[in-house]
Protein backbone atom coordinates (compact mmCIF):
# COMPACT_ATOMS: atom_id res chain seq x y z
CA MET A 1 0.00 0.00 0.00
CA ARG A 2 2.96 2.32 0.53
CA THR A 3 3.82 1.82 -3.13
CA TYR A 4 0.33 2.87 -4.20
CA SER A 5 0.57 5.91 -1.94
CA ARG A 6 3.84 6.90 -3.60
CA ILE A 7 2.32 6.43 -7.06
CA LEU A 8 -0.70 8.60 -6.23
CA ALA A 9 1.63 11.20 -4.73
CA THR A 10 3.26 11.64 -8.17
CA PRO A 11 2.22 15.07 -9.49
CA GLY A 12 -0.96 14.84 -11.55
CA VAL A 13 -1.61 11.14 -11.00
CA ALA A 14 -4.15 11.24 -8.14
CA ALA A 15 -6.30 13.92 -9.78
CA LEU A 16 -6.21 12.12 -13.13
CA PHE A 17 -7.09 8.80 -11.50
CA LEU A 18 -10.05 10.16 -9.50
CA ALA A 19 -11.33 12.28 -12.39
CA GLN A 20 -11.41 9.34 -14.81
CA LEU A 21 -13.16 7.19 -12.21
CA THR A 22 -15.85 9.86 -11.79
CA ALA A 23 -16.22 10.35 -15.55
CA ARG A 24 -16.83 6.61 -16.02
CA PHE A 25 -19.28 6.23 -13.12
CA ALA A 26 -22.33 6.47 -15.39
CA ILE A 27 -21.37 3.08 -16.86
CA GLY A 28 -22.47 1.53 -13.57
CA ILE A 29 -25.48 3.79 -13.02
CA TRP A 30 -27.25 4.12 -16.37
CA PRO A 31 -28.08 0.45 -17.18
CA VAL A 32 -30.04 0.02 -13.95
CA GLY A 33 -31.43 3.56 -14.15
CA ILE A 34 -32.68 3.06 -17.72
CA LEU A 35 -34.26 -0.30 -16.87
CA LEU A 36 -36.13 1.24 -13.95
CA HIS A 37 -37.17 4.42 -15.76
CA VAL A 38 -38.15 3.04 -19.17
CA GLU A 39 -39.99 0.07 -17.66
CA GLY A 40 -41.84 2.53 -15.43
CA TRP A 41 -43.50 4.41 -18.29
CA SER A 42 -43.58 1.63 -20.91
CA ALA A 43 -44.60 -1.22 -18.56
CA SER A 44 -42.23 -3.44 -20.58
CA TYR A 45 -38.85 -4.84 -19.59
CA ALA A 46 -38.38 -5.80 -23.22
CA VAL A 47 -38.49 -2.13 -24.26
CA ALA A 48 -36.24 -1.13 -21.37
CA GLY A 49 -33.78 -3.88 -22.24
CA LEU A 50 -33.78 -2.78 -25.87
CA VAL A 51 -32.80 0.76 -24.90
CA VAL A 52 -29.97 -0.54 -22.66
CA GLY A 53 -28.83 -2.89 -25.41
CA LEU A 54 -28.71 -0.05 -27.96
CA MET A 55 -26.68 2.04 -25.53
CA THR A 56 -24.19 -0.82 -25.22
CA PHE A 57 -24.15 -1.31 -29.00
CA GLY A 58 -23.52 2.41 -29.60
CA ARG A 59 -20.67 2.46 -27.12
CA ALA A 60 -19.04 -0.64 -28.60
CA LEU A 61 -19.30 0.79 -32.11
CA ALA A 62 -17.97 4.27 -31.34
CA THR A 63 -15.24 3.70 -28.75
CA PRO A 64 -12.46 2.76 -31.22
CA LEU A 65 -13.39 5.66 -33.50
CA LEU A 66 -13.38 8.21 -30.68
CA SER A 67 -10.11 6.75 -29.38
CA ARG A 68 -8.55 7.20 -32.80
CA LEU A 69 -9.78 10.81 -33.04
CA VAL A 70 -7.87 11.59 -29.85
CA GLY A 71 -4.63 11.48 -31.87
CA ARG A 72 -5.99 14.05 -34.35
CA TRP A 73 -8.05 16.45 -32.25
CA GLY A 74 -6.48 16.00 -28.83
CA ALA A 75 -7.73 14.19 -25.74
CA ALA A 76 -9.30 17.26 -24.11
CA VAL A 77 -11.43 18.09 -27.17
CA VAL A 78 -12.65 14.54 -27.78
CA VAL A 79 -13.36 13.75 -24.12
CA GLY A 80 -15.04 17.10 -23.49
CA CYS A 81 -17.28 17.02 -26.58
CA ALA A 82 -18.17 13.35 -26.17
CA GLY A 83 -18.95 13.75 -22.47
CA GLY A 84 -21.24 16.69 -23.17
CA GLY A 85 -23.03 14.83 -25.95
CA SER A 86 -23.51 11.71 -23.83
CA ALA A 87 -24.93 13.74 -20.93
CA LEU A 88 -27.35 15.59 -23.26
CA ALA A 89 -28.58 12.33 -24.82
CA ALA A 90 -29.15 10.80 -21.38
CA LEU A 91 -30.96 13.96 -20.28
CA GLY A 92 -33.20 13.49 -23.31
CA LEU A 93 -34.02 9.99 -22.04
CA VAL A 94 -35.10 11.51 -18.73
CA LEU A 95 -37.59 13.75 -20.54
CA ALA A 96 -38.63 11.55 -23.50
CA ASP A 97 -41.76 10.14 -21.85
CA LEU A 98 -43.04 13.68 -21.18
CA LEU A 99 -43.39 14.40 -24.89
CA PRO A 100 -46.99 14.53 -26.17
CA THR A 101 -46.46 11.68 -28.63
CA GLN A 102 -47.77 8.18 -29.23
CA PRO A 103 -46.12 5.41 -27.15
CA ALA A 104 -44.50 3.89 -30.23
CA VAL A 105 -42.91 7.25 -31.09
CA THR A 106 -41.69 7.69 -27.52
CA ILE A 107 -40.12 4.24 -27.64
CA ALA A 108 -38.38 5.04 -30.94
CA ILE A 109 -37.07 8.35 -29.57
CA SER A 110 -35.79 6.60 -26.44
CA CYS A 111 -34.02 3.97 -28.53
CA VAL A 112 -32.26 6.63 -30.60
CA LEU A 113 -31.29 8.62 -27.51
CA GLY A 114 -30.00 5.48 -25.77
CA CYS A 115 -27.84 4.63 -28.77
CA LEU A 116 -26.52 8.22 -28.93
CA ALA A 117 -25.78 8.27 -25.18
CA GLY A 118 -23.68 5.12 -25.58
CA ALA A 119 -22.01 6.14 -28.83
CA SER A 120 -20.89 9.48 -27.38
CA MET A 121 -19.56 8.12 -24.09
CA PRO A 122 -16.04 9.57 -23.89
CA PRO A 123 -13.19 7.06 -24.35
CA VAL A 124 -11.91 7.78 -20.86
CA GLN A 125 -10.15 4.50 -20.13
CA PRO A 126 -8.24 4.30 -23.44
CA VAL A 127 -7.13 7.93 -23.09
CA VAL A 128 -6.00 7.62 -19.48
CA ARG A 129 -4.20 4.32 -20.02
CA GLY A 130 -2.27 6.00 -22.82
CA ILE A 131 -1.27 8.84 -20.47
CA TYR A 132 -0.19 6.80 -17.42
CA PRO A 133 3.20 5.85 -18.96
CA GLU A 134 4.00 9.57 -19.28
CA LEU A 135 3.36 10.28 -15.59
CA VAL A 136 4.31 7.10 -13.74
CA PRO A 137 7.89 5.75 -13.56
CA PRO A 138 8.34 2.52 -15.55
CA HIS A 139 9.00 0.41 -12.44
CA HIS A 140 5.61 1.48 -11.01
CA LEU A 141 3.59 1.22 -14.21
CA ALA A 142 2.37 -2.34 -13.58
CA ARG A 143 1.03 -1.30 -10.18
CA MET A 144 -0.68 1.74 -11.73
CA PHE A 145 -2.49 -0.46 -14.24
CA SER A 146 -3.45 -2.86 -11.45
CA LEU A 147 -4.81 0.01 -9.37
CA ASP A 148 -6.79 1.24 -12.38
CA ALA A 149 -8.19 -2.23 -13.10
CA ALA A 150 -9.07 -2.85 -9.46
CA ALA A 151 -10.71 0.53 -8.97
CA GLN A 152 -13.17 -0.06 -11.79
CA GLU A 153 -14.83 -2.63 -9.54
CA ILE A 154 -16.02 0.35 -7.47
CA ILE A 155 -18.05 1.51 -10.48
CA PHE A 156 -19.86 -1.82 -10.81
CA VAL A 157 -20.50 -2.20 -7.08
CA ILE A 158 -21.47 1.34 -6.06
CA GLY A 159 -23.01 2.40 -9.40
CA PRO A 160 -26.01 0.02 -9.37
CA LEU A 161 -26.52 0.59 -5.63
CA LEU A 162 -26.57 4.34 -6.20
CA ALA A 163 -29.07 3.92 -9.05
CA PHE A 164 -31.42 1.85 -6.87
CA ALA A 165 -31.04 4.24 -3.92
CA ALA A 166 -31.74 7.35 -6.04
CA ALA A 167 -34.74 5.69 -7.71
CA SER A 168 -36.17 4.56 -4.37
CA ALA A 169 -35.77 7.95 -2.74
CA PHE A 170 -36.57 10.36 -5.59
CA GLY A 171 -37.94 8.33 -8.51
CA SER A 172 -36.39 6.70 -11.56
CA ARG A 173 -35.52 10.04 -13.21
CA ALA A 174 -33.13 10.71 -10.33
CA ALA A 175 -31.17 7.54 -11.16
CA LEU A 176 -30.55 8.75 -14.71
CA LEU A 177 -29.76 12.27 -13.52
CA ALA A 178 -27.15 10.87 -11.11
CA GLY A 179 -25.33 9.40 -14.13
CA VAL A 180 -25.68 12.70 -16.03
CA LEU A 181 -24.19 14.59 -13.09
CA ALA A 182 -21.29 12.13 -12.74
CA THR A 183 -20.54 12.40 -16.46
CA ILE A 184 -20.56 16.22 -16.48
CA VAL A 185 -18.50 16.60 -13.29
CA GLY A 186 -16.07 13.82 -14.16
CA THR A 187 -15.57 14.96 -17.75
CA ALA A 188 -15.01 18.58 -16.74
CA TRP A 189 -12.56 17.50 -14.03
CA LEU A 190 -10.74 15.26 -16.47
CA VAL A 191 -10.49 17.89 -19.22
CA ALA A 192 -9.05 20.31 -16.65
CA GLN A 193 -6.06 18.01 -16.05
CA PRO A 194 -2.83 19.35 -17.63
CA ALA A 195 -1.90 15.85 -18.83
CA LEU A 196 -4.92 15.79 -21.16
CA ARG A 197 -4.05 19.09 -22.82
CA ARG A 198 -0.41 18.19 -23.47
CA PRO A 199 0.46 17.65 -27.18
CA ARG A 200 1.13 14.01 -28.03
CA SER A 201 2.08 11.71 -30.86
CA VAL A 202 -0.27 12.12 -33.81
CA SER A 203 -2.64 9.36 -34.76
CA SER A 204 -1.30 6.57 -36.90
CA SER A 205 -1.57 7.09 -40.64
CA ALA A 206 -2.77 3.50 -41.00
CA GLY A 207 -6.46 2.89 -41.71
CA MET A 208 -9.07 2.54 -39.00
CA GLY A 209 -8.74 -0.84 -37.27
CA ARG A 210 -5.31 -1.62 -38.69
CA VAL A 211 -3.95 -1.67 -35.16
CA LEU A 212 -5.88 -4.95 -34.71
CA LEU A 213 -3.36 -6.55 -37.05
CA ARG A 214 -0.92 -6.31 -34.16
CA ARG A 215 -1.12 -9.64 -32.39
CA THR A 216 -0.87 -8.02 -28.97
CA VAL A 217 -3.94 -5.84 -29.59
CA LEU A 218 -6.04 -8.59 -31.15
CA VAL A 219 -5.24 -11.06 -28.38
CA GLY A 220 -5.86 -8.42 -25.72
CA THR A 221 -9.21 -7.52 -27.27
CA LEU A 222 -10.38 -11.14 -27.51
CA THR A 223 -9.10 -12.00 -24.04
CA SER A 224 -10.95 -9.01 -22.62
CA LEU A 225 -14.10 -10.11 -24.48
CA LEU A 226 -13.91 -13.64 -23.07
CA LEU A 227 -13.22 -12.48 -19.50
CA VAL A 228 -16.11 -10.01 -19.41
CA ALA A 229 -18.39 -12.58 -21.07
CA ALA A 230 -17.47 -14.99 -18.26
CA ASN A 231 -18.20 -12.30 -15.65
CA SER A 232 -21.59 -11.61 -17.24
CA ALA A 233 -22.41 -15.31 -17.23
CA VAL A 234 -21.53 -15.41 -13.52
CA GLU A 235 -23.87 -12.50 -12.86
CA ALA A 236 -26.68 -14.18 -14.81
CA GLY A 237 -26.06 -17.47 -12.98
CA VAL A 238 -26.16 -15.80 -9.56
CA VAL A 239 -29.36 -13.94 -10.43
CA GLY A 240 -30.89 -17.19 -11.74
CA ALA A 241 -30.00 -19.01 -8.52
CA PHE A 242 -30.73 -16.35 -5.90
CA GLY A 243 -32.87 -13.73 -7.62
CA GLU A 244 -35.74 -14.42 -5.20
CA HIS A 245 -33.64 -14.72 -2.04
CA GLY A 246 -33.22 -11.14 -0.90
CA LEU A 247 -29.65 -9.89 -0.72
CA THR A 248 -27.91 -13.25 -1.22
CA GLY A 249 -27.21 -12.74 -4.93
CA GLY A 250 -26.09 -9.16 -4.48
CA LEU A 251 -23.75 -10.13 -1.65
CA LEU A 252 -22.20 -12.92 -3.72
CA LEU A 253 -21.54 -10.55 -6.63
CA ALA A 254 -20.09 -8.01 -4.20
CA VAL A 255 -17.75 -10.72 -2.88
CA TYR A 256 -16.65 -11.44 -6.46
CA SER A 257 -15.92 -7.75 -7.11
CA LEU A 258 -14.14 -7.23 -3.80
CA ALA A 259 -11.95 -10.27 -4.48
CA SER A 260 -11.05 -8.74 -7.84
CA LEU A 261 -10.21 -5.48 -6.07
CA ALA A 262 -7.97 -7.35 -3.62
CA GLY A 263 -6.30 -9.30 -6.42
CA GLY A 264 -5.59 -6.17 -8.41
CA LEU A 265 -4.03 -4.36 -5.47
CA GLY A 266 -2.23 -7.33 -3.95
CA PHE A 267 -0.69 -9.01 -6.99
CA ALA A 268 0.28 -6.10 -9.23
CA HIS A 269 3.89 -7.29 -9.28
CA LEU A 270 2.71 -10.53 -10.93
CA THR A 271 0.91 -8.93 -13.88
CA VAL A 272 3.97 -8.34 -16.08
CA GLY A 273 5.25 -10.98 -18.47
CA ARG A 274 4.12 -13.00 -21.45
CA ARG A 275 2.19 -15.60 -19.50
CA ALA A 276 0.70 -13.34 -16.83
CA ALA A 277 -2.73 -12.89 -18.45
CA ALA A 278 -2.97 -16.60 -19.28
CA ALA A 279 -2.05 -17.66 -15.73
CA TRP A 280 -4.52 -15.32 -14.04
CA MET A 281 -7.25 -16.28 -16.51
CA LEU A 282 -6.64 -19.92 -15.64
CA LEU A 283 -7.20 -19.10 -11.95
CA VAL A 284 -10.53 -17.50 -12.88
CA ALA A 285 -11.51 -20.64 -14.81
CA VAL A 286 -10.60 -22.93 -11.90
CA GLY A 287 -12.60 -20.86 -9.42
CA LEU A 288 -15.68 -20.74 -11.64
CA SER A 289 -15.46 -24.49 -12.30
CA LEU A 290 -15.55 -25.10 -8.57
CA GLY A 291 -18.57 -22.84 -8.30
CA ALA A 292 -20.42 -24.85 -10.94
CA LEU A 293 -20.06 -28.03 -8.88
CA TRP A 294 -22.36 -26.89 -6.07
CA ILE A 295 -24.79 -23.97 -6.24
CA ALA A 296 -24.91 -23.12 -2.54
CA PRO A 297 -24.20 -19.65 -1.06
CA GLY A 298 -21.27 -20.62 1.18
CA TRP A 299 -19.51 -22.73 -1.43
CA LEU A 300 -20.11 -20.16 -4.17
CA ALA A 301 -18.64 -17.43 -1.96
CA VAL A 302 -15.39 -19.41 -1.64
CA ALA A 303 -15.31 -20.21 -5.37
CA LEU A 304 -16.00 -16.59 -6.34
CA VAL A 305 -13.24 -15.33 -4.05
CA LEU A 306 -10.77 -17.66 -5.77
CA ALA A 307 -11.98 -16.69 -9.24
CA GLY A 308 -12.27 -13.00 -8.41
CA LEU A 309 -8.63 -12.77 -7.35
CA GLY A 310 -7.67 -13.22 -11.00
CA VAL A 311 -10.06 -10.79 -12.70
CA ALA A 312 -8.36 -7.42 -12.16
CA PRO A 313 -4.86 -8.89 -12.70
CA VAL A 314 -5.96 -10.09 -16.17
CA PHE A 315 -7.03 -6.56 -17.13
CA ALA A 316 -3.80 -5.16 -15.69
CA ALA A 317 -1.69 -7.70 -17.60
CA ILE A 318 -3.46 -6.82 -20.87
CA ALA A 319 -2.85 -3.11 -20.28
CA SER A 320 0.83 -3.68 -19.46
CA THR A 321 1.34 -5.78 -22.60
CA VAL A 322 -0.35 -3.28 -24.91
CA THR A 323 1.66 -0.43 -23.40
CA ALA A 324 4.91 -2.33 -23.86
CA ARG A 325 4.38 -3.47 -27.44
CA VAL A 326 2.27 -0.83 -29.21
CA PRO A 327 3.70 2.50 -30.45
CA ALA A 328 2.55 5.57 -28.56
CA GLY A 329 0.66 6.96 -31.57
CA GLU A 330 -1.52 3.83 -31.74
CA ALA A 331 -1.90 3.09 -28.02
CA THR A 332 -5.15 5.01 -27.46
CA GLU A 333 -6.91 3.34 -30.40
CA ALA A 334 -5.54 -0.02 -29.24
CA PHE A 335 -7.04 0.47 -25.79
CA GLY A 336 -10.27 1.54 -27.48
CA TRP A 337 -10.51 -1.84 -29.20
CA VAL A 338 -9.73 -3.65 -25.92
CA ASP A 339 -12.57 -1.65 -24.35
CA THR A 340 -14.89 -2.60 -27.20
CA GLY A 341 -14.03 -6.26 -26.68
CA ALA A 342 -15.12 -5.94 -23.05
CA ILE A 343 -18.40 -4.26 -24.03
CA LEU A 344 -19.22 -6.94 -26.60
CA GLY A 345 -18.27 -9.62 -24.08
CA ALA A 346 -20.84 -8.29 -21.62
CA SER A 347 -23.63 -8.62 -24.18
CA ALA A 348 -22.48 -12.06 -25.37
CA GLY A 349 -22.13 -13.42 -21.84
CA PHE A 350 -25.61 -12.36 -20.76
CA GLY A 351 -27.16 -13.64 -23.99
CA LEU A 352 -25.54 -17.07 -23.89
CA ALA A 353 -26.11 -17.52 -20.15
CA GLY A 354 -29.76 -16.52 -20.52
CA MET A 355 -30.34 -19.31 -23.04
CA LEU A 356 -28.59 -21.88 -20.86
CA LEU A 357 -30.42 -20.85 -17.68
CA ASP A 358 -33.76 -21.96 -19.10
CA GLY A 359 -32.56 -25.48 -19.86
CA GLY A 360 -29.67 -26.20 -17.50
CA GLY A 361 -30.19 -23.88 -14.56
CA PRO A 362 -27.56 -21.78 -12.75
CA ALA A 363 -24.92 -24.52 -12.91
CA ALA A 364 -25.00 -24.36 -16.71
CA ALA A 365 -24.31 -20.61 -16.58
CA PHE A 366 -21.30 -21.22 -14.30
CA TRP A 367 -19.96 -23.96 -16.58
CA LEU A 368 -20.30 -21.53 -19.48
CA ALA A 369 -18.38 -18.90 -17.50
CA ALA A 370 -15.63 -21.38 -16.66
CA GLY A 371 -15.38 -22.49 -20.30
CA LEU A 372 -15.09 -18.89 -21.51
CA ALA A 373 -12.36 -18.17 -18.96
CA LEU A 374 -10.49 -21.35 -19.94
CA ALA A 375 -10.71 -20.37 -23.63
CA GLY A 376 -9.37 -16.93 -22.70
CA SER A 377 -6.44 -18.49 -20.88
CA ALA A 378 -5.57 -20.68 -23.86
CA LEU A 379 -5.87 -17.73 -26.23
CA ALA A 380 -3.68 -15.51 -24.08
CA ALA A 381 -1.05 -18.25 -23.81
CA ALA A 382 -1.02 -18.93 -27.56
CA GLY A 383 -1.08 -15.26 -28.48
CA THR A 384 2.00 -14.36 -26.47
CA ALA A 385 4.21 -16.99 -28.08
CA GLY A 386 7.10 -15.61 -30.08
CA PRO A 387 9.58 -12.79 -29.55
CA ALA A 388 8.41 -9.73 -27.64
CA ARG A 389 8.62 -6.36 -29.30
CA SER A 390 8.77 -3.30 -27.13
CA ARG A 391 6.68 -0.21 -27.74
CA ARG A 392 9.82 1.90 -27.79
CA THR A 393 11.34 -0.19 -30.58
CA ALA A 394 8.10 -0.31 -32.54
CA GLY A 395 7.79 3.45 -32.31
CA ARG A 396 11.07 3.92 -34.24
CA THR A 397 10.05 1.67 -37.10
CA PRO A 398 9.57 3.72 -40.32
């Protein structure tokens, strides 16, 4: 912990870290807020789910493009404009049901606004992960990425709780407005950081998506997709098993997230190296396999602690590898694709687990999660074979 204190004491790091966390908080608030609000006026979870799905789709589609534009227009311009656009679109969702239109028109407007809110979400994580190497000494960079990966668990633990609390106390509009406020405050705070306004390497002259031809980026993107798909399957399995048992399911998912937080902070020194992502992904697979053997709260808590210890280290290992092997001018777009992989993984995991829950029950969802994690481990191991190429060397290549 003294090491993390020294890292955050580095000029500019603590403010950048807290600002990006605030700017991303809506990711944890809006899905629950939209489900509550849209279902409230449409009386349909299908419509509410469609709006959330379109938000996810828009974000997955636009994140690499916005990340690439950072190299041309600058991080402050892209993050500031995108954050403002996302907040405005979400504010439109708050007010859409007040329009004097037919229900079908209101639904269509909400779908468009949901897609726009997702598509204009600022590429905060890709931008900040591209800046960390400029502020943090190389020997502390692995711990910085681990801290960043672990801290994102706060978003997915506190965000939904905040959405439920705001909706219970002040109505469903308040849940959406909480995300709007977090986006505006976080984006403004982030844009005010000197590190974001500093000139950087221009965007690569290669075509959009060419960075995926780099093995490191492609493997990182697919590994991220498989890990988040496994996490989503776990969430679906827990809800399927304990959705009618009060706080049991929520507590189990909180245990999973807290174990990830502990793993990210405690094992940062073990997230560097070719096999790091594969090894931690294997631990996730083992833990989830144990959970599939017996769907009981106590046993699942132990299994999820074991699996959770590997989650944040996998994300940290991916970030470290991309930073080491991708030129600075392509790093932000590369992280954008990794982010998109995670977004698509969330949708795929929920979809596949939902189909299996009907036929095989919660255990089937856990076996799916374990299989996805095992596939991610094998992919990460195969993808890191061969000679390493440092980002510094690649940056000098004509």
